[in-house]
Amino acid sequence: MQIELPSHLFTFPEVPLPTVWSVRQIERTPALPPKQIEQRTREALESLLASRSLPTHASVAVGVGSRGIANLALIVRTVVGVLKAHGHCPFIVPAMGSHGGATAQGQTEVLHSYGITPENVGAEIKATMEVSPIGELTEEAEGYKGFPVVCDRNALQADAILLINRIKPHTDFTGPIESGIAKMLAIGLGKQQGAERIHHYGAAGLRDLMPHVARFMAAHLPVLGGIALIENSLGHTGEIHPVPPHAIGRAPEQALLDKSRKLMPHLPFSSLDLLLVDEMGKNISGSCMDTHVIGRAVMPSIPESEWDGPNIRLIAVFDLTDASHGNAAAFGLADMITERLAKKIDFVASYINMRTSGEGGIQRARLPLILPTPEDCVRTGIATCGRGDWTKVRLARIRNTADLQNLEISQALLEEAKANPDLEVAAVGHPLDLSRPLPAGR
């Protein structure tokens, strides 16, 4: 993308960069250490294997694909090891809808960026965008009778299908079943064709149709079950649970979502004038920024007033993660981005993703204001957020929406932060320095 911006456009050199204070969120939910992660993963998989008899040397398609999951390579490697110890032949299937530019090679590269390589996890990757029909929904799915259900061809050829995914609130809709095992089965293994068909029904389709498709697939395919992961508010692995086939898209998975919802990352302020985000990316959230964290859904069928999260007037984002491979889907959730970020956007990959996402894809594809530098974003945000007194601007800076442990805040938020027992606030402030990102907390 070629961008030539005159330096005088939307820059406010008269606005000083603020003094900020470092803040650290205290995590009170324990995380599992690596040894316990391996142990809990083994226990979850052993319980699934004990409930079903597989043929000798069974081929097992292990569906992997969600971004930003803590300890994912370790968990996948453990799963592969357990399956091999039982004499089975596991292989990895990218279960990620249209991600990776909707190509087999692109999806393999995405897995590699997660550390999921044959050498690292001990199993080959079989990637394809080809799907085969497995049937149509029946009367049980009210309003969706006859909906065609498809599945990844490589997964269909396996003796068993196992899914590994994190249970968490979805960035496009709210419902009893959101992101998790059911979504990976229905949309991930549906590849672009299946994902796009479901997304054609918008947020209501995701909320109502997706669980029906998942339950249909669990009943008609050799699904062994799922390994469900729950993370704490800092994105560390907190719990690992088995989800047998009969529980996929039903009450047991809903109970895990309810638990996850209470632990999800959040900003410690109910309202902000300006939020500075060092980086956005597909490895951080499906919408590159978690919509629950920023309080913005931009879904036509969902009123913003019904969306949880803080009220933020302006959001400025400075960079796109390398792990996004240029996919900046939903960049329209930001109000300002830097020229550096804009030049990293692969519009083909981004538009494919947003087209597949359906209802919200068009509105989230609106181009934000592009400014030369992060400093220009800050000055512009302060000058245009509606606070006549710049010293009263409620400004916060985060690394990204998945890593909220370390923040920087302006003086207008200082007393509120000091009164919060879950925050540690530095004794003295310092000049805002955007030359390097905030330190990682996870």
Protein backbone atom coordinates (compact mmCIF):
# COMPACT_ATOMS: atom_id res chain seq x y z
CA MET A 1 0.00 0.00 0.00
CA GLN A 2 1.52 3.30 -1.11
CA ILE A 3 0.93 6.09 1.38
CA GLU A 4 2.17 9.65 1.08
CA LEU A 5 0.94 11.82 3.91
CA PRO A 6 1.71 15.55 4.15
CA SER A 7 3.14 16.09 7.60
CA HIS A 8 0.66 18.87 8.44
CA LEU A 9 -2.44 16.68 8.12
CA PHE A 10 -4.00 15.75 11.46
CA THR A 11 -0.87 16.50 13.44
CA PHE A 12 -0.98 18.68 16.51
CA PRO A 13 2.60 19.67 17.39
CA GLU A 14 1.30 22.05 20.05
CA VAL A 15 -0.08 19.11 22.08
CA PRO A 16 2.55 17.79 24.52
CA LEU A 17 3.01 14.08 25.09
CA PRO A 18 1.71 13.33 28.59
CA THR A 19 3.46 12.10 31.69
CA VAL A 20 2.35 8.53 32.41
CA TRP A 21 2.51 6.12 35.33
CA SER A 22 3.33 2.42 35.04
CA VAL A 23 0.59 0.11 36.33
CA ARG A 24 0.62 -3.64 36.81
CA GLN A 25 -2.51 -5.78 37.10
CA ILE A 26 -2.32 -8.42 39.81
CA GLU A 27 -3.45 -11.87 38.66
CA ARG A 28 -5.27 -13.75 41.41
CA THR A 29 -6.17 -16.86 39.40
CA PRO A 30 -3.29 -19.37 39.38
CA ALA A 31 -1.77 -20.66 36.15
CA LEU A 32 -0.69 -24.25 35.56
CA PRO A 33 3.08 -24.89 35.38
CA PRO A 34 4.35 -26.87 32.35
CA LYS A 35 4.45 -30.23 34.17
CA GLN A 36 0.84 -29.88 35.27
CA ILE A 37 -0.18 -28.79 31.77
CA GLU A 38 1.24 -32.03 30.40
CA GLN A 39 -0.38 -34.07 33.18
CA ARG A 40 -3.83 -32.49 32.80
CA THR A 41 -3.64 -32.88 29.00
CA ARG A 42 -2.78 -36.56 29.35
CA GLU A 43 -5.59 -37.10 31.85
CA ALA A 44 -8.14 -35.36 29.61
CA LEU A 45 -7.14 -37.39 26.55
CA GLU A 46 -6.98 -40.67 28.47
CA SER A 47 -10.58 -40.13 29.64
CA LEU A 48 -11.71 -39.62 26.03
CA LEU A 49 -9.82 -42.69 24.84
CA ALA A 50 -11.29 -44.79 27.67
CA SER A 51 -14.83 -43.93 26.57
CA ARG A 52 -14.37 -45.07 22.99
CA SER A 53 -12.80 -48.10 21.32
CA LEU A 54 -10.55 -47.19 18.38
CA PRO A 55 -9.17 -49.73 15.91
CA THR A 56 -5.53 -50.74 16.18
CA HIS A 57 -3.20 -48.16 14.60
CA ALA A 58 -6.12 -45.79 14.15
CA SER A 59 -5.43 -42.60 12.21
CA VAL A 60 -6.42 -39.61 14.32
CA ALA A 61 -6.92 -36.13 12.84
CA VAL A 62 -5.96 -33.58 15.49
CA GLY A 63 -7.65 -30.27 14.73
CA VAL A 64 -5.58 -27.21 15.67
CA GLY A 65 -5.94 -23.64 14.51
CA SER A 66 -6.91 -20.96 17.02
CA ARG A 67 -4.43 -18.17 17.53
CA GLY A 68 -2.76 -16.89 20.67
CA ILE A 69 -3.27 -19.98 22.82
CA ALA A 70 -0.74 -20.26 25.61
CA ASN A 71 1.39 -23.43 25.62
CA LEU A 72 -0.29 -24.69 22.45
CA ALA A 73 2.76 -26.48 21.04
CA LEU A 74 3.34 -28.23 24.39
CA ILE A 75 -0.29 -29.36 24.55
CA VAL A 76 -0.33 -30.60 20.95
CA ARG A 77 2.97 -32.42 21.47
CA THR A 78 1.58 -34.09 24.59
CA VAL A 79 -1.58 -35.16 22.74
CA VAL A 80 0.46 -36.63 19.90
CA GLY A 81 2.64 -38.51 22.40
CA VAL A 82 -0.34 -40.04 24.19
CA LEU A 83 -1.96 -41.14 20.93
CA LYS A 84 1.28 -42.73 19.76
CA ALA A 85 1.69 -44.48 23.11
CA HIS A 86 -1.69 -46.11 22.46
CA GLY A 87 -0.45 -47.31 19.08
CA HIS A 88 -2.38 -44.76 17.02
CA CYS A 89 -1.22 -42.61 14.09
CA PRO A 90 -2.02 -38.93 14.70
CA PHE A 91 -1.69 -36.14 12.15
CA ILE A 92 -2.43 -32.41 12.41
CA VAL A 93 -5.28 -30.76 10.50
CA PRO A 94 -5.52 -26.94 10.27
CA ALA A 95 -9.00 -26.25 11.68
CA MET A 96 -9.25 -22.56 10.95
CA GLY A 97 -11.93 -21.73 8.37
CA SER A 98 -10.51 -19.18 5.93
CA HIS A 99 -7.40 -18.09 7.78
CA GLY A 100 -4.02 -18.20 6.08
CA GLY A 101 -5.45 -16.54 2.98
CA ALA A 102 -7.81 -19.51 2.53
CA THR A 103 -5.02 -21.67 1.09
CA ALA A 104 -3.57 -24.96 2.33
CA GLN A 105 -0.05 -23.56 2.25
CA GLY A 106 -1.13 -20.42 4.06
CA GLN A 107 -2.83 -22.41 6.82
CA THR A 108 0.25 -24.60 7.22
CA GLU A 109 2.37 -21.48 7.59
CA VAL A 110 0.00 -20.17 10.24
CA LEU A 111 0.42 -23.40 12.20
CA HIS A 112 4.19 -23.09 11.88
CA SER A 113 3.99 -19.60 13.35
CA TYR A 114 2.29 -21.17 16.41
CA GLY A 115 5.19 -23.61 16.81
CA ILE A 116 3.10 -26.45 15.35
CA THR A 117 5.61 -28.14 13.05
CA PRO A 118 6.16 -31.87 12.41
CA GLU A 119 9.55 -31.64 14.12
CA ASN A 120 8.19 -29.86 17.18
CA VAL A 121 5.02 -31.87 17.84
CA GLY A 122 5.94 -35.23 16.31
CA ALA A 123 3.17 -35.46 13.71
CA GLU A 124 2.79 -34.47 10.08
CA ILE A 125 0.47 -31.70 8.95
CA LYS A 126 -2.15 -32.53 6.33
CA ALA A 127 -3.62 -29.31 4.99
CA THR A 128 -6.34 -28.87 2.40
CA MET A 129 -9.13 -26.44 1.67
CA GLU A 130 -11.19 -29.21 0.07
CA VAL A 131 -14.32 -30.34 1.86
CA SER A 132 -16.88 -33.10 1.37
CA PRO A 133 -20.59 -33.03 2.24
CA ILE A 134 -21.68 -35.13 5.20
CA GLY A 135 -25.41 -34.37 5.24
CA GLU A 136 -28.05 -31.75 5.94
CA LEU A 137 -29.54 -30.44 9.15
CA THR A 138 -32.91 -31.91 10.12
CA GLU A 139 -36.02 -30.56 11.82
CA GLU A 140 -34.14 -30.37 15.13
CA ALA A 141 -32.40 -27.21 13.86
CA GLU A 142 -35.38 -24.86 13.78
CA GLY A 143 -35.20 -22.50 10.83
CA TYR A 144 -32.12 -24.20 9.39
CA LYS A 145 -33.55 -27.48 8.09
CA GLY A 146 -31.68 -28.57 4.96
CA PHE A 147 -28.56 -26.56 5.74
CA PRO A 148 -25.63 -28.44 4.08
CA VAL A 149 -22.83 -29.55 6.39
CA VAL A 150 -19.30 -30.12 5.08
CA CYS A 151 -16.01 -31.24 6.58
CA ASP A 152 -12.29 -31.12 5.79
CA ARG A 153 -11.52 -34.09 3.51
CA ASN A 154 -8.40 -35.15 5.37
CA ALA A 155 -10.30 -35.23 8.66
CA LEU A 156 -13.06 -37.26 7.02
CA GLN A 157 -10.58 -39.95 5.99
CA ALA A 158 -9.34 -40.45 9.57
CA ASP A 159 -10.59 -43.10 11.97
CA ALA A 160 -11.09 -40.45 14.64
CA ILE A 161 -11.16 -36.67 15.01
CA LEU A 162 -9.83 -34.85 18.07
CA LEU A 163 -10.03 -31.07 18.55
CA ILE A 164 -7.82 -28.84 20.70
CA ASN A 165 -9.12 -25.36 21.43
CA ARG A 166 -9.51 -22.65 24.01
CA ILE A 167 -12.95 -21.90 25.41
CA LYS A 168 -13.58 -18.15 25.40
CA PRO A 169 -16.13 -15.46 24.54
CA HIS A 170 -16.40 -14.82 20.80
CA THR A 171 -15.56 -11.42 19.32
CA ASP A 172 -18.66 -11.25 17.06
CA PHE A 173 -21.61 -12.44 19.15
CA THR A 174 -22.84 -13.58 22.54
CA GLY A 175 -24.64 -16.84 23.21
CA PRO A 176 -24.57 -20.07 25.21
CA ILE A 177 -21.90 -21.54 22.91
CA GLU A 178 -19.20 -19.24 21.54
CA SER A 179 -15.52 -19.91 20.78
CA GLY A 180 -14.45 -23.41 21.66
CA ILE A 181 -14.72 -27.02 20.56
CA ALA A 182 -18.07 -26.60 18.78
CA LYS A 183 -16.90 -23.61 16.77
CA MET A 184 -13.68 -25.36 15.74
CA LEU A 185 -15.67 -28.38 14.60
CA ALA A 186 -18.35 -26.48 12.66
CA ILE A 187 -16.33 -23.57 11.27
CA GLY A 188 -12.71 -24.70 11.58
CA LEU A 189 -13.21 -28.08 9.90
CA GLY A 190 -15.81 -26.58 7.60
CA LYS A 191 -12.92 -24.62 6.04
CA GLN A 192 -13.76 -21.54 4.00
CA GLN A 193 -16.87 -23.03 2.38
CA GLY A 194 -18.47 -24.14 5.63
CA ALA A 195 -17.39 -21.06 7.55
CA GLU A 196 -18.73 -18.70 4.90
CA ARG A 197 -22.09 -20.46 4.74
CA ILE A 198 -22.58 -20.10 8.49
CA HIS A 199 -21.39 -16.49 8.52
CA HIS A 200 -23.94 -15.64 5.82
CA TYR A 201 -26.53 -15.77 8.61
CA GLY A 202 -24.69 -13.07 10.58
CA ALA A 203 -24.36 -12.96 14.34
CA ALA A 204 -27.63 -14.87 14.75
CA GLY A 205 -26.25 -17.64 12.55
CA LEU A 206 -23.13 -17.89 14.65
CA ARG A 207 -25.16 -17.96 17.86
CA ASP A 208 -27.92 -20.33 16.71
CA LEU A 209 -26.77 -22.22 13.62
CA MET A 210 -23.16 -22.98 14.54
CA PRO A 211 -24.00 -25.17 17.58
CA HIS A 212 -26.51 -27.14 15.48
CA VAL A 213 -23.84 -27.81 12.85
CA ALA A 214 -21.34 -28.84 15.54
CA ARG A 215 -23.79 -31.25 17.16
CA PHE A 216 -24.64 -32.72 13.76
CA MET A 217 -20.96 -33.27 12.97
CA ALA A 218 -20.28 -34.79 16.40
CA ALA A 219 -23.13 -37.25 15.82
CA HIS A 220 -22.25 -38.19 12.22
CA LEU A 221 -18.44 -38.19 12.28
CA PRO A 222 -15.96 -40.32 14.28
CA VAL A 223 -15.34 -37.47 16.71
CA LEU A 224 -13.30 -38.61 19.71
CA GLY A 225 -13.96 -35.32 21.50
CA GLY A 226 -12.12 -32.17 22.41
CA ILE A 227 -9.37 -30.94 24.72
CA ALA A 228 -10.78 -27.69 26.10
CA LEU A 229 -8.45 -25.06 27.51
CA ILE A 230 -9.38 -22.21 29.84
CA GLU A 231 -6.96 -19.32 30.37
CA ASN A 232 -6.77 -16.81 33.19
CA SER A 233 -7.03 -13.05 32.72
CA LEU A 234 -3.34 -12.80 31.76
CA GLY A 235 -3.65 -15.47 29.09
CA HIS A 236 -1.95 -18.28 31.02
CA THR A 237 -3.25 -21.85 30.94
CA GLY A 238 -5.52 -22.25 33.95
CA GLU A 239 -7.61 -25.37 33.34
CA ILE A 240 -7.76 -28.29 30.89
CA HIS A 241 -10.93 -30.35 30.40
CA PRO A 242 -12.07 -33.24 28.21
CA VAL A 243 -15.19 -32.63 26.14
CA PRO A 244 -16.72 -35.92 24.91
CA PRO A 245 -18.69 -35.93 21.64
CA HIS A 246 -22.11 -35.82 23.31
CA ALA A 247 -21.08 -32.65 25.21
CA ILE A 248 -19.95 -30.64 22.18
CA GLY A 249 -22.20 -27.64 21.63
CA ARG A 250 -24.27 -28.54 24.68
CA ALA A 251 -24.56 -27.68 28.38
CA PRO A 252 -21.13 -29.00 29.48
CA GLU A 253 -19.36 -26.78 26.93
CA GLN A 254 -21.60 -23.88 27.93
CA ALA A 255 -20.52 -24.33 31.57
CA LEU A 256 -16.88 -24.05 30.51
CA LEU A 257 -17.68 -20.84 28.61
CA ASP A 258 -19.35 -19.38 31.70
CA LYS A 259 -16.22 -20.14 33.71
CA SER A 260 -13.96 -18.66 31.03
CA ARG A 261 -16.05 -15.50 30.80
CA LYS A 262 -15.31 -14.69 34.44
CA LEU A 263 -11.55 -15.00 33.85
CA MET A 264 -11.17 -13.16 30.55
CA PRO A 265 -8.72 -10.22 30.23
CA HIS A 266 -10.19 -6.79 30.92
CA LEU A 267 -9.17 -3.18 31.24
CA PRO A 268 -9.41 -1.93 34.85
CA PHE A 269 -11.28 1.25 33.79
CA SER A 270 -14.93 1.62 32.75
CA SER A 271 -14.28 4.58 30.45
CA LEU A 272 -11.35 6.06 28.55
CA ASP A 273 -10.88 9.01 26.27
CA LEU A 274 -7.92 7.49 24.44
CA LEU A 275 -6.59 3.93 24.36
CA LEU A 276 -3.14 3.36 22.90
CA VAL A 277 -2.46 -0.16 21.64
CA ASP A 278 1.12 -1.09 20.77
CA GLU A 279 0.10 -3.95 18.48
CA MET A 280 -2.89 -5.74 17.02
CA GLY A 281 -2.85 -9.10 15.28
CA LYS A 282 -4.55 -12.36 14.36
CA ASN A 283 -2.40 -14.17 16.92
CA ILE A 284 -3.99 -11.90 19.54
CA SER A 285 -7.66 -12.12 18.55
CA GLY A 286 -9.79 -13.14 15.59
CA SER A 287 -10.62 -9.45 15.15
CA CYS A 288 -6.99 -8.47 15.86
CA MET A 289 -8.25 -6.71 19.00
CA ASP A 290 -10.53 -8.48 21.46
CA THR A 291 -13.89 -6.77 21.11
CA HIS A 292 -14.77 -7.49 24.74
CA VAL A 293 -11.63 -5.72 25.93
CA ILE A 294 -12.21 -2.59 23.84
CA GLY A 295 -16.01 -2.61 24.21
CA ARG A 296 -16.63 -2.45 20.46
CA ALA A 297 -18.38 -5.10 18.39
CA VAL A 298 -19.44 -3.20 15.23
CA MET A 299 -21.95 -5.90 14.37
CA PRO A 300 -25.10 -4.43 12.75
CA SER A 301 -27.44 -6.84 14.53
CA ILE A 302 -25.91 -6.28 17.98
CA PRO A 303 -26.41 -2.86 19.62
CA GLU A 304 -23.17 -1.53 21.03
CA SER A 305 -25.04 -0.87 24.29
CA GLU A 306 -25.43 -4.64 24.71
CA TRP A 307 -21.71 -5.30 24.27
CA ASP A 308 -19.64 -5.67 27.42
CA GLY A 309 -16.42 -3.78 27.98
CA PRO A 310 -15.43 -0.15 28.62
CA ASN A 311 -16.63 2.98 26.84
CA ILE A 312 -13.64 4.21 24.82
CA ARG A 313 -13.86 7.37 22.74
CA LEU A 314 -10.78 6.86 20.52
CA ILE A 315 -8.46 3.92 19.90
CA ALA A 316 -5.01 4.28 18.30
CA VAL A 317 -3.00 1.24 17.19
CA PHE A 318 0.67 1.42 16.32
CA ASP A 319 1.70 -1.91 14.76
CA LEU A 320 0.60 -5.26 13.29
CA THR A 321 2.24 -8.44 14.59
CA ASP A 322 4.45 -10.42 12.23
CA ALA A 323 2.47 -13.55 13.15
CA SER A 324 -0.56 -11.98 11.43
CA HIS A 325 1.10 -12.44 8.02
CA GLY A 326 -0.48 -9.16 6.91
CA ASN A 327 -4.00 -10.14 7.95
CA ALA A 328 -5.32 -7.08 9.77
CA ALA A 329 -8.96 -8.20 9.76
CA ALA A 330 -11.30 -5.77 11.52
CA PHE A 331 -8.79 -2.90 11.38
CA GLY A 332 -11.88 -0.69 11.26
CA LEU A 333 -12.26 -1.20 15.02
CA ALA A 334 -9.42 1.30 15.40
CA ASP A 335 -9.86 5.04 14.92
CA MET A 336 -6.20 5.76 14.13
CA ILE A 337 -3.32 3.61 12.92
CA THR A 338 0.24 4.42 11.99
CA GLU A 339 1.69 4.51 8.51
CA ARG A 340 3.93 1.60 9.60
CA LEU A 341 0.90 -0.57 10.39
CA ALA A 342 -0.93 0.40 7.20
CA LYS A 343 2.01 -0.63 5.04
CA LYS A 344 1.99 -4.10 6.63
CA ILE A 345 -1.62 -4.83 5.69
CA ASP A 346 -2.16 -7.58 3.14
CA PHE A 347 -5.53 -6.47 1.85
CA VAL A 348 -6.19 -9.74 -0.01
CA ALA A 349 -5.75 -11.85 3.14
CA SER A 350 -7.62 -9.30 5.25
CA TYR A 351 -10.56 -9.02 2.87
CA ILE A 352 -10.84 -12.80 2.48
CA ASN A 353 -11.07 -13.10 6.24
CA MET A 354 -13.58 -10.26 6.54
CA ARG A 355 -15.67 -11.55 3.64
CA THR A 356 -15.85 -14.96 5.30
CA SER A 357 -16.84 -13.36 8.62
CA GLY A 358 -19.95 -11.98 6.94
CA GLU A 359 -22.13 -9.48 8.79
CA GLY A 360 -19.46 -7.50 10.62
CA GLY A 361 -16.81 -7.88 7.95
CA ILE A 362 -17.87 -4.93 5.81
CA GLN A 363 -18.13 -2.39 8.60
CA ARG A 364 -14.95 -3.59 10.28
CA ALA A 365 -13.12 -3.11 6.99
CA ARG A 366 -13.52 0.68 7.10
CA LEU A 367 -10.13 2.31 6.94
CA PRO A 368 -9.12 4.25 10.07
CA LEU A 369 -7.24 7.53 10.01
CA ILE A 370 -3.62 6.87 9.00
CA LEU A 371 -1.00 9.02 10.72
CA PRO A 372 2.77 9.10 10.21
CA THR A 373 3.94 8.10 13.71
CA PRO A 374 2.66 6.82 17.07
CA GLU A 375 3.36 10.25 18.53
CA ASP A 376 1.07 11.82 15.92
CA CYS A 377 -1.66 9.37 16.95
CA VAL A 378 -1.31 10.37 20.59
CA ARG A 379 -1.34 14.10 19.92
CA THR A 380 -4.28 13.77 17.54
CA GLY A 381 -6.20 11.64 20.02
CA ILE A 382 -5.65 14.08 22.86
CA ALA A 383 -6.64 17.05 20.71
CA THR A 384 -9.80 15.47 19.25
CA CYS A 385 -11.22 13.30 22.05
CA GLY A 386 -13.48 16.07 23.31
CA ARG A 387 -11.59 17.11 26.45
CA GLY A 388 -10.92 20.82 26.32
CA ASP A 389 -8.40 20.48 29.15
CA TRP A 390 -5.69 18.12 27.89
CA THR A 391 -4.51 17.38 31.44
CA LYS A 392 -7.88 15.68 32.09
CA VAL A 393 -7.66 13.20 29.21
CA ARG A 394 -8.23 9.65 30.49
CA LEU A 395 -5.46 7.90 28.56
CA ALA A 396 -4.25 4.32 28.90
CA ARG A 397 -1.65 2.36 26.96
CA ILE A 398 -1.54 -1.45 26.60
CA ARG A 399 0.71 -3.86 24.75
CA ASN A 400 -2.25 -5.66 23.12
CA THR A 401 -5.71 -6.85 24.09
CA ALA A 402 -4.47 -10.29 25.16
CA ASP A 403 -1.70 -8.95 27.40
CA LEU A 404 -3.09 -6.43 29.87
CA GLN A 405 -0.78 -7.03 32.80
CA ASN A 406 1.37 -3.96 32.20
CA LEU A 407 -0.25 -0.61 31.42
CA GLU A 408 0.64 3.05 31.35
CA ILE A 409 -1.93 5.65 32.41
CA SER A 410 -2.25 9.41 32.42
CA GLN A 411 -2.64 11.54 35.53
CA ALA A 412 -6.43 11.71 35.07
CA LEU A 413 -6.63 7.97 35.91
CA LEU A 414 -4.11 8.02 38.74
CA GLU A 415 -6.39 8.27 41.77
CA GLU A 416 -8.80 5.67 40.39
CA ALA A 417 -5.90 3.28 39.80
CA LYS A 418 -4.49 3.78 43.30
CA ALA A 419 -7.87 2.94 44.80
CA ASN A 420 -8.05 -0.38 42.92
CA PRO A 421 -6.63 -3.26 45.04
CA ASP A 422 -5.92 -5.29 41.89
CA LEU A 423 -3.46 -2.68 40.57
CA GLU A 424 0.10 -1.85 41.52
CA VAL A 425 0.89 1.77 40.61
CA ALA A 426 4.38 3.24 40.27
CA ALA A 427 5.24 5.98 42.77
CA VAL A 428 6.41 8.45 40.13
CA GLY A 429 5.50 9.18 36.56
CA HIS A 430 7.70 9.36 33.47
CA PRO A 431 7.47 10.84 29.96
CA LEU A 432 5.51 8.74 27.48
CA ASP A 433 8.07 6.88 25.35
CA LEU A 434 6.65 5.12 22.30
CA SER A 435 9.99 4.04 20.86
CA ARG A 436 9.57 0.56 22.36
CA PRO A 437 6.50 -1.52 23.27
CA LEU A 438 5.40 -2.15 26.82
CA PRO A 439 7.01 -5.20 28.44
CA ALA A 440 5.18 -8.48 27.92
CA GLY A 441 3.30 -9.82 30.91
CA ARG A 442 2.75 -13.35 29.65
